[in-house]
């Protein structure tokens, strides 16, 4: 699936919920299903700067695609990072770099987060794109 197709799938899923309490519950469920990051990657190097809670994101290049794993010590944040991992994991670095993240606005996520969580979301996206840039340079 392309990044755009996954984003559209997520938009459709969020449209099924009537209110934000249901959406938060869904995000918590997504967080619970997040493939756990290996303990060896829960280091300061993989910690997202600018998040109020602790969020670790690790990336590896496999068959020219980036595979992300992540974890957080906060349940909502874990759900947010689970959405991002679903969108960007197993994608080519170039596609990640070029992808837009309008789907976050389309599901109304940013407007329903506290300012510090919204900043953390931006930091997570920035880090994912930085990994993609780093791996893209290795592929050339």
N, C-alpha and C. Protein backbone atom coordinates (compact mmCIF):
# COMPACT_ATOMS: atom_id res chain seq x y z
N UNK A 1 0.83 -1.20 0.00
CA UNK A 1 0.00 0.00 0.00
C UNK A 1 0.87 1.25 0.00
N UNK A 2 0.41 2.27 -0.69
CA UNK A 2 1.16 3.53 -0.69
C UNK A 2 0.84 4.31 0.59
N UNK A 3 1.67 5.29 0.87
CA UNK A 3 1.44 6.15 2.03
C UNK A 3 0.07 6.81 1.92
N UNK A 4 -0.24 7.32 0.75
CA UNK A 4 -1.53 8.00 0.53
C UNK A 4 -2.70 7.06 0.79
N UNK A 5 -2.61 5.82 0.33
CA UNK A 5 -3.69 4.84 0.54
C UNK A 5 -3.88 4.55 2.03
N UNK A 6 -2.77 4.43 2.75
CA UNK A 6 -2.86 4.17 4.19
C UNK A 6 -3.48 5.37 4.90
N UNK A 7 -3.06 6.57 4.49
CA UNK A 7 -3.62 7.79 5.08
C UNK A 7 -5.13 7.86 4.86
N UNK A 8 -5.57 7.52 3.64
CA UNK A 8 -7.00 7.55 3.34
C UNK A 8 -7.76 6.51 4.16
N UNK A 9 -7.14 5.36 4.37
CA UNK A 9 -7.74 4.31 5.20
C UNK A 9 -7.93 4.81 6.63
N UNK A 10 -6.94 5.51 7.16
CA UNK A 10 -7.01 6.05 8.52
C UNK A 10 -8.09 7.13 8.60
N UNK A 11 -8.18 8.00 7.60
CA UNK A 11 -9.22 9.03 7.56
C UNK A 11 -10.60 8.37 7.60
N UNK A 12 -10.78 7.31 6.80
CA UNK A 12 -12.06 6.58 6.78
C UNK A 12 -12.37 5.96 8.14
N UNK A 13 -11.34 5.38 8.78
CA UNK A 13 -11.55 4.76 10.10
C UNK A 13 -11.99 5.80 11.13
N UNK A 14 -11.33 6.96 11.13
CA UNK A 14 -11.68 8.00 12.10
C UNK A 14 -13.06 8.59 11.83
N UNK A 15 -13.49 8.56 10.57
CA UNK A 15 -14.82 9.08 10.21
C UNK A 15 -15.93 8.21 10.79
N UNK A 16 -15.61 6.97 11.16
CA UNK A 16 -16.62 6.07 11.73
C UNK A 16 -17.02 6.44 13.15
N UNK A 17 -16.25 7.30 13.79
CA UNK A 17 -16.53 7.64 15.19
C UNK A 17 -17.28 8.95 15.28
N UNK A 18 -18.24 8.99 16.22
CA UNK A 18 -19.09 10.16 16.37
C UNK A 18 -18.42 11.29 17.15
N UNK A 19 -17.59 10.92 18.12
CA UNK A 19 -16.98 11.98 18.94
C UNK A 19 -15.52 11.66 19.24
N UNK A 20 -14.87 12.62 19.88
CA UNK A 20 -13.43 12.47 20.13
C UNK A 20 -13.11 11.48 21.24
N UNK A 21 -14.05 11.23 22.14
CA UNK A 21 -13.78 10.21 23.16
C UNK A 21 -13.60 8.85 22.48
N UNK A 22 -14.45 8.56 21.50
CA UNK A 22 -14.32 7.30 20.77
C UNK A 22 -13.02 7.26 19.98
N UNK A 23 -12.64 8.38 19.41
CA UNK A 23 -11.38 8.44 18.65
C UNK A 23 -10.18 8.23 19.56
N UNK A 24 -10.22 8.83 20.75
CA UNK A 24 -9.12 8.62 21.70
C UNK A 24 -9.04 7.15 22.09
N UNK A 25 -10.19 6.54 22.34
CA UNK A 25 -10.21 5.11 22.69
C UNK A 25 -9.61 4.27 21.56
N UNK A 26 -9.95 4.63 20.32
CA UNK A 26 -9.40 3.93 19.16
C UNK A 26 -7.88 4.10 19.09
N UNK A 27 -7.42 5.33 19.35
CA UNK A 27 -5.97 5.58 19.33
C UNK A 27 -5.26 4.77 20.42
N UNK A 28 -5.89 4.65 21.58
CA UNK A 28 -5.31 3.84 22.66
C UNK A 28 -5.20 2.39 22.21
N UNK A 29 -6.25 1.89 21.53
CA UNK A 29 -6.22 0.51 21.00
C UNK A 29 -5.09 0.35 19.97
N UNK A 30 -4.93 1.34 19.09
CA UNK A 30 -3.85 1.30 18.10
C UNK A 30 -2.50 1.24 18.81
N UNK A 31 -2.36 2.02 19.86
CA UNK A 31 -1.11 2.04 20.63
C UNK A 31 -0.80 0.68 21.24
N UNK A 32 -1.85 -0.01 21.70
CA UNK A 32 -1.65 -1.34 22.30
C UNK A 32 -1.20 -2.35 21.26
N UNK A 33 -1.56 -2.12 19.99
CA UNK A 33 -1.19 -3.07 18.94
C UNK A 33 0.16 -2.72 18.29
N UNK A 34 0.79 -1.66 18.76
CA UNK A 34 2.07 -1.24 18.20
C UNK A 34 3.14 -2.30 18.45
N UNK A 35 3.85 -2.72 17.39
CA UNK A 35 4.93 -3.69 17.61
C UNK A 35 5.97 -3.07 18.54
N UNK A 36 6.29 -3.78 19.59
CA UNK A 36 7.18 -3.20 20.60
C UNK A 36 8.60 -3.00 20.09
N UNK A 37 9.14 -1.88 20.46
CA UNK A 37 10.52 -1.56 20.13
C UNK A 37 11.42 -2.44 21.01
N UNK A 38 12.48 -2.93 20.45
CA UNK A 38 13.43 -3.74 21.21
C UNK A 38 14.05 -2.86 22.31
N UNK A 39 14.18 -3.43 23.50
CA UNK A 39 14.70 -2.66 24.65
C UNK A 39 16.04 -1.98 24.35
N UNK A 40 16.85 -2.60 23.51
CA UNK A 40 18.16 -2.01 23.20
C UNK A 40 18.04 -0.68 22.46
N UNK A 41 16.86 -0.40 21.88
CA UNK A 41 16.66 0.85 21.14
C UNK A 41 15.97 1.92 21.97
N UNK A 42 15.62 1.58 23.21
CA UNK A 42 15.01 2.59 24.09
C UNK A 42 16.14 3.40 24.74
N UNK A 43 16.83 4.15 23.90
CA UNK A 43 17.96 4.95 24.34
C UNK A 43 17.69 6.42 24.10
N UNK A 44 18.52 7.26 24.68
CA UNK A 44 18.39 8.71 24.47
C UNK A 44 18.52 9.09 23.00
N UNK A 45 19.32 8.31 22.25
CA UNK A 45 19.50 8.59 20.82
C UNK A 45 18.18 8.47 20.05
N UNK A 46 17.32 7.57 20.49
CA UNK A 46 16.05 7.34 19.79
C UNK A 46 14.87 8.07 20.42
N UNK A 47 15.16 8.84 21.46
CA UNK A 47 14.12 9.61 22.14
C UNK A 47 13.76 10.83 21.30
N UNK A 48 12.48 11.07 21.12
CA UNK A 48 12.03 12.23 20.34
C UNK A 48 12.13 13.47 21.22
N UNK A 49 12.88 14.44 20.75
CA UNK A 49 13.01 15.70 21.49
C UNK A 49 11.76 16.54 21.22
N UNK A 50 11.28 17.23 22.23
CA UNK A 50 10.12 18.10 22.06
C UNK A 50 8.80 17.44 22.44
N UNK A 51 8.85 16.22 22.95
CA UNK A 51 7.64 15.55 23.42
C UNK A 51 7.55 15.67 24.93
N UNK A 52 6.34 15.89 25.41
CA UNK A 52 6.16 15.99 26.86
C UNK A 52 6.32 14.61 27.51
N UNK A 53 5.87 13.57 26.82
CA UNK A 53 6.08 12.21 27.32
C UNK A 53 7.28 11.61 26.58
N UNK A 54 7.71 10.46 27.03
CA UNK A 54 8.85 9.81 26.37
C UNK A 54 8.35 9.02 25.17
N UNK A 55 8.98 9.27 24.03
CA UNK A 55 8.67 8.54 22.80
C UNK A 55 9.99 8.13 22.16
N UNK A 56 10.09 6.84 21.89
CA UNK A 56 11.28 6.33 21.21
C UNK A 56 10.87 5.87 19.82
N UNK A 57 11.67 6.24 18.82
CA UNK A 57 11.43 5.77 17.45
C UNK A 57 12.75 5.24 16.92
N UNK A 58 12.70 4.02 16.40
CA UNK A 58 13.89 3.38 15.83
C UNK A 58 13.58 3.04 14.38
N UNK A 59 14.58 3.19 13.53
CA UNK A 59 14.40 2.89 12.10
C UNK A 59 15.51 1.99 11.60
N UNK A 60 15.13 1.07 10.74
CA UNK A 60 16.11 0.20 10.08
C UNK A 60 15.74 0.10 8.61
N UNK A 61 16.76 0.02 7.77
CA UNK A 61 16.53 -0.15 6.34
C UNK A 61 16.55 -1.63 6.00
N UNK A 62 15.45 -2.10 5.41
CA UNK A 62 15.35 -3.50 4.99
C UNK A 62 14.79 -3.53 3.58
N UNK A 63 15.54 -4.09 2.66
CA UNK A 63 15.11 -4.17 1.25
C UNK A 63 14.70 -2.81 0.69
N UNK A 64 15.52 -1.81 0.95
CA UNK A 64 15.29 -0.43 0.47
C UNK A 64 14.05 0.24 1.05
N UNK A 65 13.50 -0.32 2.10
CA UNK A 65 12.36 0.30 2.78
C UNK A 65 12.71 0.47 4.25
N UNK A 66 12.14 1.52 4.85
CA UNK A 66 12.42 1.77 6.27
C UNK A 66 11.36 1.08 7.12
N UNK A 67 11.82 0.34 8.11
CA UNK A 67 10.93 -0.30 9.07
C UNK A 67 11.10 0.43 10.39
N UNK A 68 10.01 0.99 10.88
CA UNK A 68 10.04 1.74 12.14
C UNK A 68 9.46 0.90 13.26
N UNK A 69 10.04 1.04 14.43
CA UNK A 69 9.43 0.53 15.66
C UNK A 69 9.43 1.70 16.63
N UNK A 70 8.51 1.67 17.58
CA UNK A 70 8.39 2.81 18.50
C UNK A 70 7.73 2.37 19.80
N UNK A 71 7.81 3.26 20.78
CA UNK A 71 7.12 3.05 22.05
C UNK A 71 6.99 4.40 22.73
N UNK A 72 6.08 4.46 23.67
CA UNK A 72 5.90 5.67 24.47
C UNK A 72 5.45 5.26 25.86
N UNK A 73 5.72 6.13 26.83
CA UNK A 73 5.28 5.86 28.20
C UNK A 73 3.89 6.44 28.47
N UNK A 74 3.27 7.06 27.45
CA UNK A 74 1.92 7.63 27.60
C UNK A 74 0.99 6.98 26.58
N UNK A 75 -0.21 6.60 27.01
CA UNK A 75 -1.08 5.80 26.13
C UNK A 75 -1.59 6.56 24.91
N UNK A 76 -1.95 7.83 25.06
CA UNK A 76 -2.42 8.59 23.89
C UNK A 76 -1.26 8.79 22.91
N UNK A 77 -0.11 9.15 23.46
CA UNK A 77 1.07 9.38 22.62
C UNK A 77 1.46 8.09 21.89
N UNK A 78 1.32 6.97 22.57
CA UNK A 78 1.62 5.69 21.94
C UNK A 78 0.67 5.45 20.76
N UNK A 79 -0.58 5.86 20.91
CA UNK A 79 -1.54 5.75 19.82
C UNK A 79 -1.18 6.65 18.65
N UNK A 80 -0.72 7.86 18.96
CA UNK A 80 -0.31 8.80 17.91
C UNK A 80 0.87 8.23 17.12
N UNK A 81 1.87 7.75 17.84
CA UNK A 81 3.05 7.21 17.15
C UNK A 81 2.68 5.94 16.39
N UNK A 82 1.70 5.18 16.89
CA UNK A 82 1.24 3.98 16.18
C UNK A 82 0.65 4.35 14.81
N UNK A 83 -0.09 5.46 14.77
CA UNK A 83 -0.66 5.93 13.50
C UNK A 83 0.47 6.29 12.53
N UNK A 84 1.46 7.02 13.03
CA UNK A 84 2.58 7.43 12.18
C UNK A 84 3.38 6.24 11.67
N UNK A 85 3.59 5.26 12.54
CA UNK A 85 4.34 4.05 12.16
C UNK A 85 3.56 3.30 11.08
N UNK A 86 2.25 3.22 11.26
CA UNK A 86 1.41 2.53 10.26
C UNK A 86 1.54 3.19 8.89
N UNK A 87 1.58 4.51 8.88
CA UNK A 87 1.67 5.25 7.62
C UNK A 87 3.04 5.12 6.98
N UNK A 88 4.10 5.26 7.78
CA UNK A 88 5.44 5.40 7.20
C UNK A 88 6.31 4.16 7.22
N UNK A 89 5.99 3.16 8.03
CA UNK A 89 6.83 1.97 8.09
C UNK A 89 6.66 1.14 6.81
N UNK A 90 7.73 0.48 6.40
CA UNK A 90 7.75 -0.34 5.19
C UNK A 90 7.54 0.48 3.92
N UNK A 91 8.03 1.70 3.94
CA UNK A 91 7.95 2.57 2.78
C UNK A 91 9.36 2.96 2.35
N UNK A 92 9.50 3.33 1.10
CA UNK A 92 10.78 3.76 0.56
C UNK A 92 11.11 5.15 1.13
N UNK A 93 12.38 5.40 1.49
CA UNK A 93 12.76 6.71 2.05
C UNK A 93 12.26 7.90 1.22
N UNK A 94 12.39 7.81 -0.09
CA UNK A 94 11.97 8.90 -0.98
C UNK A 94 10.48 9.20 -0.81
N UNK A 95 9.67 8.15 -0.68
CA UNK A 95 8.22 8.33 -0.51
C UNK A 95 7.89 8.98 0.83
N UNK A 96 8.65 8.63 1.86
CA UNK A 96 8.45 9.23 3.19
C UNK A 96 8.80 10.71 3.14
N UNK A 97 9.93 11.03 2.51
CA UNK A 97 10.37 12.42 2.41
C UNK A 97 9.33 13.26 1.68
N UNK A 98 8.78 12.71 0.60
CA UNK A 98 7.84 13.46 -0.24
C UNK A 98 6.41 13.46 0.28
N UNK A 99 6.10 12.61 1.24
CA UNK A 99 4.72 12.47 1.72
C UNK A 99 4.27 13.73 2.47
N UNK A 100 3.01 14.09 2.24
CA UNK A 100 2.48 15.15 3.07
C UNK A 100 1.73 14.53 4.24
N UNK A 101 1.49 15.33 5.23
CA UNK A 101 0.84 14.81 6.45
C UNK A 101 -0.49 15.51 6.70
N UNK A 102 -1.14 15.92 5.63
CA UNK A 102 -2.45 16.58 5.74
C UNK A 102 -3.50 15.69 6.40
N UNK A 103 -3.30 14.38 6.31
CA UNK A 103 -4.29 13.47 6.88
C UNK A 103 -4.47 13.72 8.38
N UNK A 104 -3.45 14.23 9.04
CA UNK A 104 -3.54 14.52 10.47
C UNK A 104 -4.58 15.62 10.71
N UNK A 105 -4.58 16.63 9.83
CA UNK A 105 -5.60 17.67 9.92
C UNK A 105 -6.96 17.13 9.50
N UNK A 106 -6.96 16.24 8.48
CA UNK A 106 -8.22 15.69 7.99
C UNK A 106 -8.96 14.88 9.05
N UNK A 107 -8.22 14.20 9.94
CA UNK A 107 -8.89 13.45 11.01
C UNK A 107 -9.12 14.33 12.24
N UNK A 108 -8.61 15.57 12.20
CA UNK A 108 -8.84 16.51 13.30
C UNK A 108 -7.94 16.28 14.50
N UNK A 109 -6.87 15.53 14.30
CA UNK A 109 -6.02 15.17 15.42
C UNK A 109 -5.34 16.38 16.06
N UNK A 110 -4.70 17.20 15.25
CA UNK A 110 -3.93 18.32 15.80
C UNK A 110 -4.78 19.25 16.66
N UNK A 111 -6.00 19.52 16.19
CA UNK A 111 -6.85 20.45 16.94
C UNK A 111 -7.39 19.86 18.24
N UNK A 112 -7.30 18.54 18.40
CA UNK A 112 -7.77 17.90 19.63
C UNK A 112 -6.64 17.48 20.56
N UNK A 113 -5.45 17.99 20.30
CA UNK A 113 -4.31 17.70 21.17
C UNK A 113 -3.93 18.96 21.94
N UNK A 114 -3.39 18.76 23.12
CA UNK A 114 -2.86 19.90 23.86
C UNK A 114 -1.69 20.47 23.07
N UNK A 115 -1.34 21.74 23.29
CA UNK A 115 -0.22 22.32 22.54
C UNK A 115 1.08 21.52 22.66
N UNK A 116 1.34 20.97 23.85
CA UNK A 116 2.59 20.21 24.01
C UNK A 116 2.53 18.90 23.24
N UNK A 117 1.34 18.25 23.21
CA UNK A 117 1.21 17.02 22.42
C UNK A 117 1.30 17.31 20.93
N UNK A 118 0.71 18.43 20.51
CA UNK A 118 0.78 18.81 19.09
C UNK A 118 2.23 19.07 18.69
N UNK A 119 3.00 19.71 19.56
CA UNK A 119 4.44 19.91 19.30
C UNK A 119 5.15 18.57 19.21
N UNK A 120 4.79 17.65 20.09
CA UNK A 120 5.38 16.32 20.07
C UNK A 120 5.08 15.58 18.78
N UNK A 121 3.85 15.74 18.28
CA UNK A 121 3.46 15.13 17.01
C UNK A 121 4.33 15.65 15.87
N UNK A 122 4.53 16.97 15.84
CA UNK A 122 5.38 17.58 14.82
C UNK A 122 6.81 17.04 14.94
N UNK A 123 7.29 16.90 16.17
CA UNK A 123 8.64 16.38 16.40
C UNK A 123 8.78 14.94 15.93
N UNK A 124 7.73 14.13 16.15
CA UNK A 124 7.75 12.73 15.69
C UNK A 124 7.85 12.66 14.16
N UNK A 125 7.02 13.46 13.49
CA UNK A 125 7.03 13.48 12.03
C UNK A 125 8.40 13.94 11.52
N UNK A 126 8.94 14.96 12.16
CA UNK A 126 10.25 15.49 11.76
C UNK A 126 11.32 14.41 11.88
N UNK A 127 11.30 13.66 12.98
CA UNK A 127 12.29 12.61 13.20
C UNK A 127 12.14 11.50 12.17
N UNK A 128 10.92 11.10 11.87
CA UNK A 128 10.67 10.06 10.87
C UNK A 128 11.23 10.51 9.52
N UNK A 129 10.99 11.76 9.17
CA UNK A 129 11.50 12.29 7.89
C UNK A 129 13.02 12.39 7.90
N UNK A 130 13.60 12.71 9.06
CA UNK A 130 15.07 12.77 9.17
C UNK A 130 15.69 11.38 8.94
N UNK A 131 15.07 10.35 9.51
CA UNK A 131 15.53 8.98 9.26
C UNK A 131 15.47 8.70 7.75
N UNK A 132 14.38 9.10 7.12
CA UNK A 132 14.20 8.85 5.68
C UNK A 132 15.29 9.55 4.88
N UNK A 133 15.60 10.79 5.24
CA UNK A 133 16.65 11.54 4.54
C UNK A 133 18.00 10.83 4.71
N UNK A 134 18.29 10.40 5.93
CA UNK A 134 19.55 9.71 6.19
C UNK A 134 19.66 8.43 5.38
N UNK A 135 18.60 7.63 5.34
CA UNK A 135 18.64 6.38 4.59
C UNK A 135 18.63 6.62 3.08
N UNK A 136 17.95 7.68 2.63
CA UNK A 136 17.92 7.99 1.21
C UNK A 136 19.33 8.27 0.70
N UNK A 137 20.13 8.97 1.50
CA UNK A 137 21.50 9.28 1.06
C UNK A 137 22.34 8.00 0.96
N UNK A 138 22.03 7.00 1.78
CA UNK A 138 22.77 5.73 1.70
C UNK A 138 22.42 4.94 0.45
N UNK A 139 21.22 5.14 -0.07
CA UNK A 139 20.76 4.37 -1.23
C UNK A 139 21.32 4.88 -2.55
N UNK A 140 21.79 6.11 -2.56
CA UNK A 140 22.26 6.70 -3.83
C UNK A 140 23.59 6.14 -4.25
